[in-house]
Amino acid sequence: MLNIYEVSLSLVEDLNPLLDRLERRNAKLYDQLERALSSVVLNIAEGCGQYAGHRRERYRTALGSAREVRAIHDYVVRRRIHAPLSAEAIDKLARIIGTLVKLTR
């Protein structure tokens, strides 16, 4: 299993406070973040068990979802719905995106 799989699970823990806040404040955005975040984790795991083009496609899906997670974070921060994630959590997300970019080439 790829190391970013574990990093993605750690990111889920980092995002729990944001998810909890959105669940109470904005159900649609909560649902979107929940789906994007689960897609990152699940598609990384699924890609690890695939071959050739199927593997790349799972990683592309995970990459798109990771970028969506980042966009939701940026949006809620600018809307002042939630404070920015820690630098460590942002680094995890950047690491996931960077690794997935390399894996999809």
C-alpha atoms as a PDB file:
ATOM      1  CA  MET A   1       0.000   0.000   0.000  1.00  0.00           C
ATOM      2  CA  LEU A   2       1.256   3.474  -0.825  1.00  0.00           C
ATOM      3  CA  ASN A   3       2.455   5.686   2.005  1.00  0.00           C
ATOM      4  CA  ILE A   4       0.006   8.411   0.906  1.00  0.00           C
ATOM      5  CA  TYR A   5      -2.820   6.059   1.855  1.00  0.00           C
ATOM      6  CA  GLU A   6      -1.793   6.448   5.510  1.00  0.00           C
ATOM      7  CA  VAL A   7      -1.266  10.184   4.966  1.00  0.00           C
ATOM      8  CA  SER A   8      -4.798  10.443   3.556  1.00  0.00           C
ATOM      9  CA  LEU A   9      -6.220   8.705   6.634  1.00  0.00           C
ATOM     10  CA  SER A  10      -4.318  11.118   8.845  1.00  0.00           C
ATOM     11  CA  LEU A  11      -5.773  14.002   6.835  1.00  0.00           C
ATOM     12  CA  VAL A  12      -9.259  12.673   7.582  1.00  0.00           C
ATOM     13  CA  GLU A  13      -8.501  13.070  11.282  1.00  0.00           C
ATOM     14  CA  ASP A  14      -7.258  16.617  10.663  1.00  0.00           C
ATOM     15  CA  LEU A  15     -10.463  17.487   8.829  1.00  0.00           C
ATOM     16  CA  ASN A  16     -12.849  16.090  11.463  1.00  0.00           C
ATOM     17  CA  PRO A  17     -13.345  19.488  13.170  1.00  0.00           C
ATOM     18  CA  LEU A  18     -14.178  21.119   9.833  1.00  0.00           C
ATOM     19  CA  LEU A  19     -16.558  18.289   8.945  1.00  0.00           C
ATOM     20  CA  ASP A  20     -18.274  18.594  12.333  1.00  0.00           C
ATOM     21  CA  ARG A  21     -18.728  22.327  11.848  1.00  0.00           C
ATOM     22  CA  LEU A  22     -20.061  21.981   8.311  1.00  0.00           C
ATOM     23  CA  GLU A  23     -22.452  19.230   9.363  1.00  0.00           C
ATOM     24  CA  ARG A  24     -24.140  21.725  11.690  1.00  0.00           C
ATOM     25  CA  ARG A  25     -23.799  24.806   9.520  1.00  0.00           C
ATOM     26  CA  ASN A  26     -23.934  23.817   5.837  1.00  0.00           C
ATOM     27  CA  ALA A  27     -25.239  20.331   5.066  1.00  0.00           C
ATOM     28  CA  LYS A  28     -24.573  20.552   1.324  1.00  0.00           C
ATOM     29  CA  LEU A  29     -20.958  21.597   1.761  1.00  0.00           C
ATOM     30  CA  TYR A  30     -20.535  18.957   4.469  1.00  0.00           C
ATOM     31  CA  ASP A  31     -21.790  16.299   2.067  1.00  0.00           C
ATOM     32  CA  GLN A  32     -19.496  17.503  -0.708  1.00  0.00           C
ATOM     33  CA  LEU A  33     -16.432  17.503   1.556  1.00  0.00           C
ATOM     34  CA  GLU A  34     -17.347  14.112   3.000  1.00  0.00           C
ATOM     35  CA  ARG A  35     -17.699  12.594  -0.479  1.00  0.00           C
ATOM     36  CA  ALA A  36     -14.489  14.187  -1.801  1.00  0.00           C
ATOM     37  CA  LEU A  37     -12.464  13.141   1.233  1.00  0.00           C
ATOM     38  CA  SER A  38     -13.735   9.568   1.160  1.00  0.00           C
ATOM     39  CA  SER A  39     -13.009   9.457  -2.580  1.00  0.00           C
ATOM     40  CA  VAL A  40      -9.374  10.368  -1.939  1.00  0.00           C
ATOM     41  CA  VAL A  41      -8.896   7.549   0.561  1.00  0.00           C
ATOM     42  CA  LEU A  42     -10.919   4.928  -1.285  1.00  0.00           C
ATOM     43  CA  ASN A  43      -9.485   5.595  -4.741  1.00  0.00           C
ATOM     44  CA  ILE A  44      -5.919   5.530  -3.441  1.00  0.00           C
ATOM     45  CA  ALA A  45      -6.641   2.150  -1.849  1.00  0.00           C
ATOM     46  CA  GLU A  46      -8.383   0.855  -4.955  1.00  0.00           C
ATOM     47  CA  GLY A  47      -5.565   2.068  -7.205  1.00  0.00           C
ATOM     48  CA  CYS A  48      -3.052   0.094  -5.178  1.00  0.00           C
ATOM     49  CA  GLY A  49      -4.814  -3.107  -6.234  1.00  0.00           C
ATOM     50  CA  GLN A  50      -5.166  -2.264  -9.930  1.00  0.00           C
ATOM     51  CA  TYR A  51      -2.875  -2.539 -12.928  1.00  0.00           C
ATOM     52  CA  ALA A  52      -1.838  -0.191 -15.746  1.00  0.00           C
ATOM     53  CA  GLY A  53      -4.601   2.116 -16.956  1.00  0.00           C
ATOM     54  CA  HIS A  54      -7.064   1.157 -14.248  1.00  0.00           C
ATOM     55  CA  ARG A  55      -4.549   2.116 -11.582  1.00  0.00           C
ATOM     56  CA  ARG A  56      -3.867   5.471 -13.227  1.00  0.00           C
ATOM     57  CA  GLU A  57      -7.603   6.172 -13.521  1.00  0.00           C
ATOM     58  CA  ARG A  58      -8.187   5.511  -9.791  1.00  0.00           C
ATOM     59  CA  TYR A  59      -5.315   7.840  -8.963  1.00  0.00           C
ATOM     60  CA  ARG A  60      -6.720  10.507 -11.309  1.00  0.00           C
ATOM     61  CA  THR A  61     -10.035  10.293  -9.514  1.00  0.00           C
ATOM     62  CA  ALA A  62      -8.281  10.573  -6.148  1.00  0.00           C
ATOM     63  CA  LEU A  63      -6.324  13.566  -7.449  1.00  0.00           C
ATOM     64  CA  GLY A  64      -9.467  15.374  -8.553  1.00  0.00           C
ATOM     65  CA  SER A  65     -11.059  14.708  -5.186  1.00  0.00           C
ATOM     66  CA  ALA A  66      -7.969  15.903  -3.307  1.00  0.00           C
ATOM     67  CA  ARG A  67      -8.079  19.140  -5.278  1.00  0.00           C
ATOM     68  CA  GLU A  68     -11.757  19.443  -4.404  1.00  0.00           C
ATOM     69  CA  VAL A  69     -10.934  19.014  -0.701  1.00  0.00           C
ATOM     70  CA  ARG A  70      -8.400  21.829  -1.043  1.00  0.00           C
ATOM     71  CA  ALA A  71     -10.930  24.049  -2.827  1.00  0.00           C
ATOM     72  CA  ILE A  72     -13.561  23.470  -0.145  1.00  0.00           C
ATOM     73  CA  HIS A  73     -11.012  24.331   2.527  1.00  0.00           C
ATOM     74  CA  ASP A  74     -10.056  27.526   0.712  1.00  0.00           C
ATOM     75  CA  TYR A  75     -13.709  28.458   0.286  1.00  0.00           C
ATOM     76  CA  VAL A  76     -14.734  27.944   3.919  1.00  0.00           C
ATOM     77  CA  VAL A  77     -11.703  29.894   5.121  1.00  0.00           C
ATOM     78  CA  ARG A  78     -12.487  32.845   2.874  1.00  0.00           C
ATOM     79  CA  ARG A  79     -16.159  32.720   3.852  1.00  0.00           C
ATOM     80  CA  ARG A  80     -15.004  32.736   7.479  1.00  0.00           C
ATOM     81  CA  ILE A  81     -16.901  29.531   8.174  1.00  0.00           C
ATOM     82  CA  HIS A  82     -13.823  27.849   9.636  1.00  0.00           C
ATOM     83  CA  ALA A  83     -10.245  28.718  10.535  1.00  0.00           C
ATOM     84  CA  PRO A  84      -7.487  27.514   8.195  1.00  0.00           C
ATOM     85  CA  LEU A  85      -6.177  24.023   8.711  1.00  0.00           C
ATOM     86  CA  SER A  86      -2.841  23.656  10.418  1.00  0.00           C
ATOM     87  CA  ALA A  87       0.288  23.970   8.305  1.00  0.00           C
ATOM     88  CA  GLU A  88       0.853  20.257   8.906  1.00  0.00           C
ATOM     89  CA  ALA A  89      -2.561  19.365   7.487  1.00  0.00           C
ATOM     90  CA  ILE A  90      -2.031  21.620   4.464  1.00  0.00           C
ATOM     91  CA  ASP A  91       1.342  19.935   3.917  1.00  0.00           C
ATOM     92  CA  LYS A  92      -0.324  16.508   4.030  1.00  0.00           C
ATOM     93  CA  LEU A  93      -2.836  17.581   1.417  1.00  0.00           C
ATOM     94  CA  ALA A  94      -0.075  19.043  -0.776  1.00  0.00           C
ATOM     95  CA  ARG A  95       1.911  15.821  -0.409  1.00  0.00           C
ATOM     96  CA  ILE A  96      -1.096  13.732  -1.449  1.00  0.00           C
ATOM     97  CA  ILE A  97      -1.739  15.949  -4.473  1.00  0.00           C
ATOM     98  CA  GLY A  98       1.932  15.991  -5.471  1.00  0.00           C
ATOM     99  CA  THR A  99       2.259  12.228  -5.231  1.00  0.00           C
ATOM    100  CA  LEU A 100      -0.932  11.651  -7.193  1.00  0.00           C
ATOM    101  CA  VAL A 101       0.215  14.050  -9.915  1.00  0.00           C
ATOM    102  CA  LYS A 102       3.384  11.964 -10.307  1.00  0.00           C
ATOM    103  CA  LEU A 103       1.425   8.708 -10.317  1.00  0.00           C
ATOM    104  CA  THR A 104      -0.967   9.877 -13.023  1.00  0.00           C
ATOM    105  CA  ARG A 105       1.726  10.856 -15.546  1.00  0.00           C
END
